N, C-alpha and C. Protein backbone atom coordinates (compact mmCIF):
# COMPACT_ATOMS: atom_id res chain seq x y z
N MET A 1 156.40 123.23 146.60
CA MET A 1 155.77 123.92 146.42
C MET A 1 154.35 123.17 146.70
N PHE A 2 152.88 123.74 147.45
CA PHE A 2 151.91 123.29 147.01
C PHE A 2 151.64 124.59 145.46
N LEU A 3 152.26 125.45 145.06
CA LEU A 3 151.59 126.05 145.08
C LEU A 3 152.98 127.40 143.42
N GLU A 4 153.19 126.33 142.41
CA GLU A 4 154.11 127.40 141.63
C GLU A 4 153.79 128.01 140.29
N CYS A 5 153.61 129.07 140.12
CA CYS A 5 153.68 129.62 139.00
C CYS A 5 155.04 130.78 138.59
N SER A 6 154.97 130.02 137.69
CA SER A 6 156.40 130.44 136.91
C SER A 6 155.72 131.21 135.17
N ASN A 7 156.58 132.39 134.65
CA ASN A 7 156.33 132.65 133.78
C ASN A 7 155.12 133.22 133.95
N LEU A 8 153.94 134.05 134.56
CA LEU A 8 152.85 134.47 134.24
C LEU A 8 152.73 136.26 133.62
N ARG A 9 152.35 135.86 132.01
CA ARG A 9 153.06 137.41 131.52
C ARG A 9 151.36 137.75 131.15
N ARG A 10 151.63 138.96 130.73
CA ARG A 10 150.29 138.87 130.15
C ARG A 10 151.17 141.55 129.87
N GLU A 11 150.50 141.37 128.42
CA GLU A 11 151.66 142.54 128.03
C GLU A 11 150.24 143.99 128.51
N PHE A 12 150.18 144.97 128.85
CA PHE A 12 149.26 145.80 129.13
C PHE A 12 149.11 147.49 128.51
N ALA A 13 148.82 149.09 128.65
CA ALA A 13 149.23 149.46 127.43
C ALA A 13 150.70 150.45 128.14
N HIS A 14 151.28 150.00 129.56
CA HIS A 14 152.70 150.81 129.77
C HIS A 14 153.40 150.01 130.59
N PHE A 15 152.52 148.96 130.85
CA PHE A 15 153.88 148.02 131.44
C PHE A 15 153.18 146.59 130.78
N SER A 16 154.50 145.39 130.94
CA SER A 16 154.46 144.50 131.10
C SER A 16 154.12 143.41 132.63
N LEU A 17 153.01 142.01 132.72
CA LEU A 17 153.27 141.66 133.68
C LEU A 17 154.06 140.56 133.10
N ASP A 18 155.14 140.23 134.19
CA ASP A 18 155.32 139.08 134.65
C ASP A 18 155.98 138.52 135.79
N VAL A 19 155.81 137.29 136.20
CA VAL A 19 156.14 137.48 137.88
C VAL A 19 156.17 134.87 137.56
N SER A 20 157.30 134.68 138.68
CA SER A 20 157.29 133.45 139.15
C SER A 20 156.97 133.78 139.81
N PHE A 21 155.98 132.95 141.74
CA PHE A 21 156.64 132.79 142.94
C PHE A 21 155.81 131.09 142.77
N SER A 22 156.18 131.44 144.19
CA SER A 22 155.26 130.23 144.60
C SER A 22 154.68 130.35 146.19
N VAL A 23 154.26 128.88 146.74
CA VAL A 23 153.32 129.58 148.01
C VAL A 23 152.58 128.09 147.99
N GLU A 24 153.22 127.79 149.89
CA GLU A 24 153.41 126.76 150.60
C GLU A 24 151.83 126.23 151.20
N GLU A 25 151.92 124.82 150.99
CA GLU A 25 150.84 124.56 151.22
C GLU A 25 150.00 125.09 152.66
N ASN A 26 149.16 125.49 152.36
CA ASN A 26 148.28 126.31 153.80
C ASN A 26 149.59 127.53 154.77
N HIS A 27 149.35 127.65 153.63
CA HIS A 27 149.85 128.79 153.85
C HIS A 27 149.55 130.27 152.98
N MET A 28 149.26 131.60 153.81
CA MET A 28 147.90 132.60 153.20
C MET A 28 149.60 133.40 152.72
N ALA A 29 149.05 133.96 151.03
CA ALA A 29 150.24 134.81 151.06
C ALA A 29 149.43 135.99 150.81
N SER A 30 149.90 137.08 150.73
CA SER A 30 149.29 138.41 150.17
C SER A 30 150.28 139.05 148.75
N LEU A 31 149.16 139.46 148.11
CA LEU A 31 150.54 140.19 146.78
C LEU A 31 149.45 140.87 147.46
N VAL A 32 150.95 142.74 147.79
CA VAL A 32 150.83 143.49 146.99
C VAL A 32 151.72 145.20 146.41
N GLY A 33 151.01 145.68 146.62
CA GLY A 33 150.70 147.42 145.66
C GLY A 33 150.39 148.01 145.78
N PRO A 34 150.66 149.33 144.52
CA PRO A 34 149.75 149.95 144.07
C PRO A 34 148.18 150.07 142.49
N SER A 35 147.38 150.36 142.64
CA SER A 35 146.35 149.71 141.88
C SER A 35 146.82 149.14 140.31
N GLY A 36 146.30 148.71 139.83
CA GLY A 36 146.54 148.49 138.49
C GLY A 36 148.43 148.31 138.03
N SER A 37 148.77 147.88 139.34
CA SER A 37 150.06 147.47 139.49
C SER A 37 150.46 145.57 138.85
N GLY A 38 149.40 145.19 138.61
CA GLY A 38 149.05 143.79 138.57
C GLY A 38 148.02 142.43 139.33
N LYS A 39 147.55 142.09 140.34
CA LYS A 39 147.78 141.85 141.43
C LYS A 39 146.52 142.09 140.89
N SER A 40 145.02 142.16 140.30
CA SER A 40 144.34 141.72 140.55
C SER A 40 144.61 140.15 139.05
N THR A 41 145.06 141.06 137.89
CA THR A 41 145.03 140.39 136.87
C THR A 41 146.13 139.25 137.08
N ILE A 42 146.78 138.10 138.28
CA ILE A 42 147.71 137.96 138.17
C ILE A 42 146.42 136.20 139.43
N LEU A 43 145.61 137.51 140.14
CA LEU A 43 145.36 136.19 140.69
C LEU A 43 144.26 135.95 139.26
N SER A 44 143.63 136.37 138.48
CA SER A 44 142.77 135.76 137.74
C SER A 44 142.89 135.24 136.44
N MET A 45 145.00 134.89 136.54
CA MET A 45 145.32 133.86 135.49
C MET A 45 145.81 132.01 136.13
N ILE A 46 145.36 132.42 137.57
CA ILE A 46 145.53 131.57 138.50
C ILE A 46 143.82 130.62 138.74
N ALA A 47 143.19 132.14 138.81
CA ALA A 47 141.97 131.41 138.56
C ALA A 47 141.34 131.00 137.35
N GLY A 48 142.50 131.02 135.96
CA GLY A 48 141.48 130.59 134.97
C GLY A 48 140.47 131.16 134.32
N LEU A 49 140.00 132.75 134.38
CA LEU A 49 139.34 133.59 133.66
C LEU A 49 140.35 134.58 133.49
N VAL A 50 141.37 134.71 133.07
CA VAL A 50 142.91 135.48 131.64
C VAL A 50 143.08 134.47 131.69
N LYS A 51 143.85 134.59 130.11
CA LYS A 51 144.18 133.42 130.45
C LYS A 51 146.28 133.77 129.77
N PRO A 52 147.25 133.30 130.50
CA PRO A 52 148.77 134.08 130.54
C PRO A 52 149.07 133.90 129.15
N GLU A 53 149.84 134.82 129.07
CA GLU A 53 150.08 135.12 127.53
C GLU A 53 151.47 134.36 127.07
N LYS A 54 151.45 132.41 126.15
CA LYS A 54 152.29 131.41 126.63
C LYS A 54 153.25 131.87 125.53
N SER A 55 154.63 131.75 126.52
CA SER A 55 156.43 131.76 126.16
C SER A 55 155.97 129.76 126.94
N ASN A 56 157.93 130.24 127.18
CA ASN A 56 159.04 129.02 127.24
C ASN A 56 158.75 128.89 129.23
N GLY A 57 158.17 128.01 129.30
CA GLY A 57 158.43 127.86 131.03
C GLY A 57 156.39 127.70 131.65
N THR A 58 156.09 128.85 130.13
CA THR A 58 154.75 129.89 131.54
C THR A 58 153.90 128.65 131.77
N LYS A 59 153.69 127.66 133.73
CA LYS A 59 153.25 127.16 134.37
C LYS A 59 152.64 127.58 135.60
N ILE A 60 151.17 126.87 136.01
CA ILE A 60 150.20 126.98 136.85
C ILE A 60 150.55 125.08 137.13
N ILE A 61 151.44 125.48 138.66
CA ILE A 61 151.22 123.64 139.43
C ILE A 61 150.87 123.78 140.57
N LEU A 62 149.54 123.56 141.01
CA LEU A 62 148.47 123.40 141.92
C LEU A 62 148.50 121.25 142.61
N ASP A 63 149.34 122.02 143.76
CA ASP A 63 150.07 120.56 144.31
C ASP A 63 149.86 119.08 143.20
N GLY A 64 151.00 119.76 142.35
CA GLY A 64 151.49 118.63 141.52
C GLY A 64 150.61 118.73 140.65
N LYS A 65 150.09 118.96 140.49
CA LYS A 65 149.25 118.90 138.82
C LYS A 65 149.16 120.05 138.05
N ASP A 66 148.82 120.06 136.37
CA ASP A 66 149.36 121.45 135.88
C ASP A 66 147.55 121.51 135.32
N ILE A 67 147.84 122.99 136.51
CA ILE A 67 146.39 123.26 135.57
C ILE A 67 146.13 124.59 134.71
N THR A 68 147.08 124.59 134.47
CA THR A 68 147.17 125.53 133.84
C THR A 68 146.82 126.61 132.15
N ASP A 69 146.46 125.40 131.63
CA ASP A 69 144.91 125.07 130.74
C ASP A 69 144.20 124.83 130.87
N LEU A 70 143.57 124.20 132.25
CA LEU A 70 142.18 124.60 132.39
C LEU A 70 141.30 125.07 132.45
N GLU A 71 140.11 125.11 132.65
CA GLU A 71 139.82 125.78 132.90
C GLU A 71 138.33 126.30 134.17
N PRO A 72 138.34 126.82 134.19
CA PRO A 72 137.82 128.20 135.86
C PRO A 72 137.90 126.92 136.93
N GLY A 73 136.06 126.50 135.77
CA GLY A 73 135.79 124.85 136.78
C GLY A 73 136.37 124.00 137.53
N LYS A 74 137.59 123.19 136.89
CA LYS A 74 137.91 121.91 136.52
C LYS A 74 139.47 122.88 137.75
N ARG A 75 140.12 123.95 137.73
CA ARG A 75 140.54 123.72 138.77
C ARG A 75 140.64 123.80 140.41
N ASN A 76 139.54 123.84 141.10
CA ASN A 76 139.22 123.03 142.45
C ASN A 76 140.28 124.97 143.02
N CYS A 77 140.20 125.77 141.97
CA CYS A 77 140.78 127.61 143.30
C CYS A 77 138.86 128.07 143.67
N GLY A 78 139.05 128.70 144.96
CA GLY A 78 137.98 129.24 144.74
C GLY A 78 137.73 130.65 145.61
N MET A 79 137.12 131.97 145.45
CA MET A 79 137.13 132.97 144.58
C MET A 79 136.45 133.51 145.32
N VAL A 80 136.83 134.65 146.13
CA VAL A 80 136.40 135.09 147.38
C VAL A 80 137.09 137.12 146.69
N PHE A 81 135.41 138.01 146.23
CA PHE A 81 135.19 139.37 145.94
C PHE A 81 135.41 140.44 146.78
N GLN A 82 135.55 141.56 146.48
CA GLN A 82 134.90 142.63 147.24
C GLN A 82 133.59 142.72 147.06
N ASN A 83 133.06 142.22 146.09
CA ASN A 83 131.64 142.29 146.23
C ASN A 83 131.55 141.50 146.89
N PRO A 84 130.52 139.89 147.65
CA PRO A 84 130.40 139.36 148.13
C PRO A 84 128.92 138.17 146.91
N SER A 85 128.99 139.24 146.07
CA SER A 85 128.05 138.39 144.94
C SER A 85 127.42 136.81 145.60
N LEU A 86 126.46 137.34 146.47
CA LEU A 86 125.95 136.17 146.88
C LEU A 86 124.22 136.08 146.19
N PHE A 87 123.30 135.32 146.53
CA PHE A 87 122.41 134.64 145.52
C PHE A 87 120.91 136.02 146.38
N LEU A 88 121.48 137.14 145.75
CA LEU A 88 119.66 137.16 147.18
C LEU A 88 118.24 136.94 146.44
N ASN A 89 117.98 135.13 145.63
CA ASN A 89 116.69 134.93 146.26
C ASN A 89 117.02 133.20 146.60
N MET A 90 117.89 133.05 147.47
CA MET A 90 119.35 132.26 148.06
C MET A 90 118.12 132.88 149.46
N SER A 91 118.42 132.16 150.81
CA SER A 91 119.01 132.50 151.87
C SER A 91 120.25 132.46 152.92
N VAL A 92 120.57 132.88 153.14
CA VAL A 92 121.11 131.90 154.02
C VAL A 92 122.11 130.53 153.44
N GLU A 93 120.68 130.25 154.41
CA GLU A 93 121.26 129.19 154.64
C GLU A 93 121.90 128.27 153.14
N ASP A 94 120.87 128.62 152.52
CA ASP A 94 120.70 127.82 150.41
C ASP A 94 121.73 128.07 149.88
N ASN A 95 122.15 129.56 150.41
CA ASN A 95 123.43 130.13 149.84
C ASN A 95 125.18 129.41 150.12
N VAL A 96 125.33 129.10 151.32
CA VAL A 96 126.80 128.37 151.45
C VAL A 96 126.17 127.37 150.99
N ALA A 97 125.29 126.09 151.19
CA ALA A 97 124.47 124.80 150.48
C ALA A 97 125.00 124.90 149.01
N TYR A 98 125.07 126.17 148.17
CA TYR A 98 125.04 125.46 147.11
C TYR A 98 126.47 125.33 146.17
N GLY A 99 127.16 124.86 146.88
CA GLY A 99 128.61 123.96 145.88
C GLY A 99 127.79 122.95 146.16
N LEU A 100 127.50 122.29 147.71
CA LEU A 100 127.98 120.83 148.21
C LEU A 100 126.35 120.40 146.67
N ILE A 101 125.41 121.08 147.16
CA ILE A 101 124.36 120.65 146.80
C ILE A 101 124.91 121.12 145.03
N SER A 102 125.74 121.30 144.87
CA SER A 102 125.74 121.94 142.59
C SER A 102 126.78 120.13 141.72
N ARG A 103 126.92 119.98 143.67
CA ARG A 103 128.10 118.61 143.38
C ARG A 103 127.58 117.54 143.48
N GLY A 104 126.24 117.27 144.18
CA GLY A 104 125.46 116.20 144.80
C GLY A 104 125.15 116.00 145.27
N MET A 105 125.45 116.23 146.34
CA MET A 105 125.45 116.05 148.27
C MET A 105 124.00 116.52 148.10
N LYS A 106 122.96 114.93 149.28
CA LYS A 106 122.01 115.63 149.54
C LYS A 106 121.37 117.20 150.34
N LYS A 107 120.02 117.43 149.67
CA LYS A 107 120.24 118.13 150.97
C LYS A 107 120.33 118.90 152.61
N LYS A 108 120.06 117.30 153.46
CA LYS A 108 119.50 116.87 154.24
C LYS A 108 120.86 117.13 155.07
N GLU A 109 122.95 116.41 154.06
CA GLU A 109 123.43 116.47 154.51
C GLU A 109 124.57 117.94 155.03
N ALA A 110 124.19 118.97 153.64
CA ALA A 110 124.21 119.61 153.65
C ALA A 110 124.18 120.67 154.60
N ARG A 111 122.63 120.95 154.72
CA ARG A 111 122.35 121.92 155.76
C ARG A 111 123.14 121.78 157.51
N LYS A 112 123.20 120.24 156.99
CA LYS A 112 124.29 119.60 158.46
C LYS A 112 125.68 119.95 158.08
N GLN A 113 125.84 120.74 157.27
CA GLN A 113 127.57 120.56 156.68
C GLN A 113 127.67 122.08 157.27
N VAL A 114 126.00 122.93 156.15
CA VAL A 114 126.31 124.39 156.55
C VAL A 114 126.11 124.95 157.96
N GLU A 115 125.14 124.17 158.76
CA GLU A 115 124.98 124.87 160.01
C GLU A 115 126.43 124.35 160.69
N GLN A 116 126.99 124.09 160.35
CA GLN A 116 128.23 124.04 161.75
C GLN A 116 129.85 125.08 160.79
N PHE A 117 129.53 125.49 159.37
CA PHE A 117 129.58 126.66 159.27
C PHE A 117 129.48 127.77 159.59
N LEU A 118 128.73 127.86 159.60
CA LEU A 118 127.74 129.32 159.75
C LEU A 118 128.55 129.07 161.91
N GLU A 119 128.23 128.84 161.91
CA GLU A 119 129.24 128.76 163.82
C GLU A 119 130.73 129.13 163.60
N LYS A 120 130.70 128.68 163.61
CA LYS A 120 132.68 128.94 163.06
C LYS A 120 133.00 129.58 162.48
N PHE A 121 131.79 130.07 162.03
CA PHE A 121 131.49 132.25 160.96
C PHE A 121 131.10 132.99 161.97
N LYS A 122 130.99 132.74 163.40
CA LYS A 122 129.66 133.34 164.35
C LYS A 122 128.25 133.94 163.57
N MET A 123 127.51 133.22 162.76
CA MET A 123 126.44 133.49 161.62
C MET A 123 125.91 132.77 162.69
N ALA A 124 125.53 131.68 163.37
CA ALA A 124 124.58 130.58 163.80
C ALA A 124 123.49 131.55 164.70
N GLY A 125 122.41 131.49 163.17
CA GLY A 125 121.18 132.17 163.72
C GLY A 125 120.65 133.01 162.48
N PHE A 126 121.87 133.00 161.86
CA PHE A 126 121.18 133.33 160.10
C PHE A 126 121.10 133.11 158.92
N ALA A 127 120.91 131.22 159.34
CA ALA A 127 120.35 130.75 157.98
C ALA A 127 118.58 130.31 157.47
N LYS A 128 118.42 131.58 158.05
CA LYS A 128 117.09 131.74 157.16
C LYS A 128 116.92 133.31 156.56
N ARG A 129 117.83 134.95 156.78
CA ARG A 129 117.71 135.33 156.65
C ARG A 129 117.66 135.44 154.92
N ASN A 130 117.71 136.80 153.87
CA ASN A 130 118.62 137.27 153.03
C ASN A 130 119.44 138.16 152.92
N PRO A 131 120.39 137.29 151.41
CA PRO A 131 121.09 138.44 151.49
C PRO A 131 120.94 139.43 151.52
N GLU A 132 120.01 140.15 151.76
CA GLU A 132 119.70 141.85 151.99
C GLU A 132 119.52 142.08 152.93
N THR A 133 119.63 141.75 153.89
CA THR A 133 119.06 142.08 155.02
C THR A 133 120.40 141.87 155.73
N LEU A 134 121.97 141.79 155.04
CA LEU A 134 122.38 141.50 156.23
C LEU A 134 123.98 142.38 155.40
N SER A 135 124.82 143.02 156.58
CA SER A 135 125.56 144.19 156.98
C SER A 135 127.00 143.50 156.11
N GLY A 136 127.34 144.26 155.44
CA GLY A 136 128.01 144.13 154.86
C GLY A 136 129.78 143.10 155.25
N GLY A 137 130.29 143.68 156.49
CA GLY A 137 130.63 142.24 157.37
C GLY A 137 130.00 140.90 157.77
N GLU A 138 128.98 140.35 157.72
CA GLU A 138 127.96 139.57 157.81
C GLU A 138 127.55 139.31 155.86
N ALA A 139 128.40 140.10 154.92
CA ALA A 139 127.59 139.40 153.89
C ALA A 139 129.11 138.34 153.71
N GLN A 140 129.90 139.03 153.68
CA GLN A 140 131.95 139.20 153.57
C GLN A 140 131.68 137.70 153.97
N ARG A 141 131.13 137.58 154.86
CA ARG A 141 131.10 135.55 156.17
C ARG A 141 130.98 135.01 155.23
N VAL A 142 129.82 135.45 154.59
CA VAL A 142 129.09 133.22 154.50
C VAL A 142 129.39 133.85 152.74
N ALA A 143 129.97 134.39 151.78
CA ALA A 143 131.08 134.63 151.55
C ALA A 143 131.78 133.72 151.65
N LEU A 144 132.56 134.17 152.66
CA LEU A 144 133.70 133.66 152.14
C LEU A 144 132.92 131.79 152.77
N ALA A 145 132.14 131.47 153.94
CA ALA A 145 131.60 130.02 154.55
C ALA A 145 131.15 129.66 152.94
N ARG A 146 130.72 129.77 152.34
CA ARG A 146 130.00 129.03 150.50
C ARG A 146 131.48 129.05 149.85
N THR A 147 132.38 129.34 150.29
CA THR A 147 133.80 129.27 148.81
C THR A 147 134.40 128.03 149.70
N LEU A 148 134.67 128.49 151.11
CA LEU A 148 135.11 127.18 151.59
C LEU A 148 134.47 125.75 151.83
N ILE A 149 133.74 125.69 152.12
CA ILE A 149 132.57 124.32 152.71
C ILE A 149 133.24 123.20 151.15
N VAL A 150 133.42 124.03 150.19
CA VAL A 150 132.95 122.69 149.29
C VAL A 150 134.64 122.95 149.51
N GLN A 151 135.70 123.01 150.39
CA GLN A 151 136.67 122.65 150.19
C GLN A 151 138.14 122.38 149.36
N PRO A 152 137.77 123.57 148.38
CA PRO A 152 139.04 124.45 147.36
C PRO A 152 140.61 124.05 147.93
N LYS A 153 141.42 122.51 147.02
CA LYS A 153 142.65 123.86 147.42
C LYS A 153 143.50 124.38 147.59
N LEU A 154 142.21 126.07 146.89
CA LEU A 154 143.18 127.38 146.74
C LEU A 154 142.20 128.13 146.85
N VAL A 155 142.56 129.23 147.49
CA VAL A 155 141.78 130.15 148.10
C VAL A 155 141.74 131.80 147.73
N LEU A 156 141.36 132.08 146.91
CA LEU A 156 142.30 133.86 146.10
C LEU A 156 141.20 134.55 146.51
N PHE A 157 141.79 135.78 146.86
CA PHE A 157 141.13 136.38 148.19
C PHE A 157 141.54 137.79 147.08
N ASP A 158 140.08 138.02 146.00
CA ASP A 158 140.92 139.55 145.94
C ASP A 158 140.52 141.00 146.43
N GLU A 159 140.64 141.37 147.20
CA GLU A 159 140.69 142.78 148.40
C GLU A 159 138.97 142.64 148.49
N PRO A 160 138.94 141.34 149.48
CA PRO A 160 137.26 140.89 149.77
C PRO A 160 137.54 142.18 151.01
N LEU A 161 138.24 143.19 151.51
CA LEU A 161 137.62 144.21 152.72
C LEU A 161 137.52 145.24 152.39
N SER A 162 137.79 145.30 150.83
CA SER A 162 138.56 147.01 150.91
C SER A 162 137.40 147.53 151.22
N ALA A 163 136.34 147.62 150.87
CA ALA A 163 134.60 148.01 150.91
C ALA A 163 134.29 147.76 152.29
N LEU A 164 134.86 147.82 153.65
CA LEU A 164 134.37 147.59 153.64
C LEU A 164 134.93 148.61 155.36
N ASP A 165 134.48 149.58 156.23
CA ASP A 165 135.15 150.73 157.01
C ASP A 165 136.61 149.73 158.31
N GLU A 166 137.67 150.28 158.68
CA GLU A 166 138.61 150.60 158.66
C GLU A 166 138.67 148.78 160.27
N ASP A 167 137.73 149.59 160.81
CA ASP A 167 137.25 148.78 162.71
C ASP A 167 137.48 146.85 161.87
N LEU A 168 137.05 147.14 161.41
CA LEU A 168 135.61 146.03 160.50
C LEU A 168 136.35 144.92 160.26
N ARG A 169 137.19 145.99 158.78
CA ARG A 169 138.37 145.32 158.63
C ARG A 169 139.09 144.65 158.75
N LYS A 170 139.58 145.64 159.55
CA LYS A 170 140.76 144.68 161.06
C LYS A 170 140.36 143.62 161.68
N LYS A 171 138.96 143.08 161.83
CA LYS A 171 138.51 142.62 162.51
C LYS A 171 137.48 141.05 162.03
N LEU A 172 137.44 141.40 160.37
CA LEU A 172 137.58 140.86 159.60
C LEU A 172 138.18 140.42 159.49
N ALA A 173 139.58 140.91 158.86
CA ALA A 173 141.17 140.19 158.37
C ALA A 173 141.06 138.63 159.51
N GLN A 174 141.29 139.30 161.06
CA GLN A 174 142.28 138.27 162.14
C GLN A 174 141.48 137.23 162.07
N GLU A 175 139.69 137.16 161.75
CA GLU A 175 138.74 136.18 162.02
C GLU A 175 139.57 135.14 160.78
N ILE A 176 139.53 135.78 159.49
CA ILE A 176 140.38 135.03 157.88
C ILE A 176 141.29 134.34 158.91
N ARG A 177 142.26 134.94 158.41
CA ARG A 177 143.44 134.74 159.98
C ARG A 177 143.39 133.10 160.12
N ASN A 178 142.56 133.35 161.03
CA ASN A 178 142.35 132.33 162.49
C ASN A 178 142.39 131.49 162.05
N MET A 179 140.98 131.75 160.70
CA MET A 179 140.22 130.60 160.42
C MET A 179 141.37 129.78 158.84
N GLN A 180 142.20 130.56 158.89
CA GLN A 180 142.78 130.17 157.78
C GLN A 180 143.90 128.87 158.74
N ARG A 181 144.09 129.03 160.48
CA ARG A 181 144.60 128.90 161.14
C ARG A 181 143.44 126.82 162.00
N THR A 182 143.39 127.45 161.87
CA THR A 182 142.19 126.48 162.05
C THR A 182 141.68 125.46 160.84
N ILE A 183 141.32 125.39 160.19
CA ILE A 183 140.73 124.78 159.26
C ILE A 183 141.41 123.07 158.24
N PRO A 184 143.01 123.64 158.10
CA PRO A 184 143.27 125.75 157.68
C PRO A 184 143.44 125.38 155.44
N PHE A 185 144.08 126.55 155.06
CA PHE A 185 143.83 126.01 153.35
C PHE A 185 144.91 127.14 153.83
N THR A 186 145.14 127.03 151.86
CA THR A 186 146.16 127.44 151.06
C THR A 186 145.46 128.73 150.68
N ALA A 187 146.08 129.44 150.67
CA ALA A 187 145.52 131.33 149.91
C ALA A 187 146.29 132.79 149.59
N ILE A 188 145.99 133.16 148.96
CA ILE A 188 146.89 134.83 147.92
C ILE A 188 146.08 134.65 148.05
N MET A 189 145.89 136.52 148.99
CA MET A 189 145.12 137.83 149.35
C MET A 189 146.19 138.89 147.89
N VAL A 190 144.76 139.43 148.16
CA VAL A 190 145.84 140.36 146.25
C VAL A 190 144.29 142.37 148.45
N THR A 191 145.36 142.69 148.23
CA THR A 191 145.24 143.62 149.00
C THR A 191 147.34 144.86 149.05
N HIS A 192 146.14 146.75 148.70
CA HIS A 192 146.78 147.32 148.60
C HIS A 192 147.84 148.02 149.93
N ASP A 193 147.17 147.23 151.56
CA ASP A 193 147.24 148.09 152.24
C ASP A 193 147.98 147.18 152.92
N LEU A 194 149.23 146.57 152.81
CA LEU A 194 150.29 146.98 153.32
C LEU A 194 150.34 146.19 154.86
N GLU A 195 150.34 147.32 155.57
CA GLU A 195 149.59 146.25 157.53
C GLU A 195 148.56 145.26 157.39
N GLU A 196 147.14 145.94 156.19
CA GLU A 196 146.50 144.11 156.66
C GLU A 196 146.84 143.52 156.19
N ALA A 197 147.98 143.39 155.13
CA ALA A 197 149.71 141.85 154.53
C ALA A 197 149.71 141.21 155.99
N ALA A 198 151.05 141.80 156.75
CA ALA A 198 151.59 142.14 157.31
C ALA A 198 150.55 140.92 158.66
N SER A 199 149.35 141.93 159.20
CA SER A 199 148.74 140.58 160.02
C SER A 199 147.92 139.80 159.83
N ILE A 200 147.68 139.09 158.22
CA ILE A 200 147.44 138.17 157.73
C ILE A 200 147.80 136.82 156.98
N SER A 201 149.12 137.94 156.88
CA SER A 201 150.27 136.63 155.88
C SER A 201 151.19 136.30 156.16
N ASP A 202 151.77 134.84 155.49
CA ASP A 202 152.97 134.20 156.19
C ASP A 202 153.88 134.55 154.45
N GLU A 203 153.59 135.32 154.45
CA GLU A 203 154.62 136.37 153.26
C GLU A 203 153.63 137.11 152.12
N ILE A 204 155.00 138.66 152.37
CA ILE A 204 154.30 138.78 151.44
C ILE A 204 154.52 138.87 150.18
N ILE A 205 153.84 139.65 149.02
CA ILE A 205 155.21 138.99 147.48
C ILE A 205 154.27 140.98 146.99
N HIS A 206 155.83 141.55 146.96
CA HIS A 206 155.54 143.57 146.67
C HIS A 206 155.14 142.98 145.02
N ILE A 207 154.59 143.31 144.12
CA ILE A 207 154.60 144.00 142.74
C ILE A 207 154.08 145.55 142.73
N GLU A 208 154.94 145.30 141.55
CA GLU A 208 154.92 147.03 140.62
C GLU A 208 154.78 146.99 140.08
N ALA A 209 154.41 147.49 139.03
CA ALA A 209 153.62 147.90 137.44
C ALA A 209 154.09 146.41 137.51
N GLY A 210 153.83 145.48 138.11
CA GLY A 210 153.97 144.31 136.43
C GLY A 210 155.26 143.11 136.58
N LYS A 211 156.06 144.05 138.26
CA LYS A 211 157.72 142.95 138.69
C LYS A 211 158.02 143.05 139.91
N ILE A 212 157.84 141.47 140.12
CA ILE A 212 158.13 141.67 141.86
C ILE A 212 159.18 142.06 142.09
N LYS A 213 158.93 143.29 143.59
CA LYS A 213 159.88 143.93 143.53
C LYS A 213 160.96 142.78 144.85
N ASN A 214 161.68 142.77 144.74
CA ASN A 214 162.66 142.08 146.02
C ASN A 214 162.29 143.67 146.98
């Protein structure tokens, strides 16, 4: 398996989170369940933003590498949140190029790659726009492009579509699915919408009160 999560545990006031699951390479898995069931915490543990409570067998293995104790920046995971969190003092082009340039790529080469990515995300012509002028769907496309352009081993989506209206949410979900098959990449999507999960996923993992429901 490309991603193996074993005995990820965390204590909450009303329940204990304790899950184990795996995801195949280039697959999209969805974590589905009610609000407060532990879905986002699972993503945060995989990303290294929240530490699992150590126990025998607690492991996060990504592409054969144990990342359980690595700092977030060393895990090669990308995250896309409900809020796109774009840099408002940068153009769309510079937002998408940020990760490439911070890794040492020359600006000219980075902008060439950004141009190609913006075309893939139906954002050609938006390069010089300021993020504040974008719609919600356009901003999420830019956030997704910024995440994928650095080719992370794993992409983590924390309800990125929940703030959009229903029609746009369905459209962007299908675009993400098509992109995931085209590029391709391995991903986990957190959502409370079972219909959305079914349309975008290779597999659905039901979470209820911190446990996987079979």
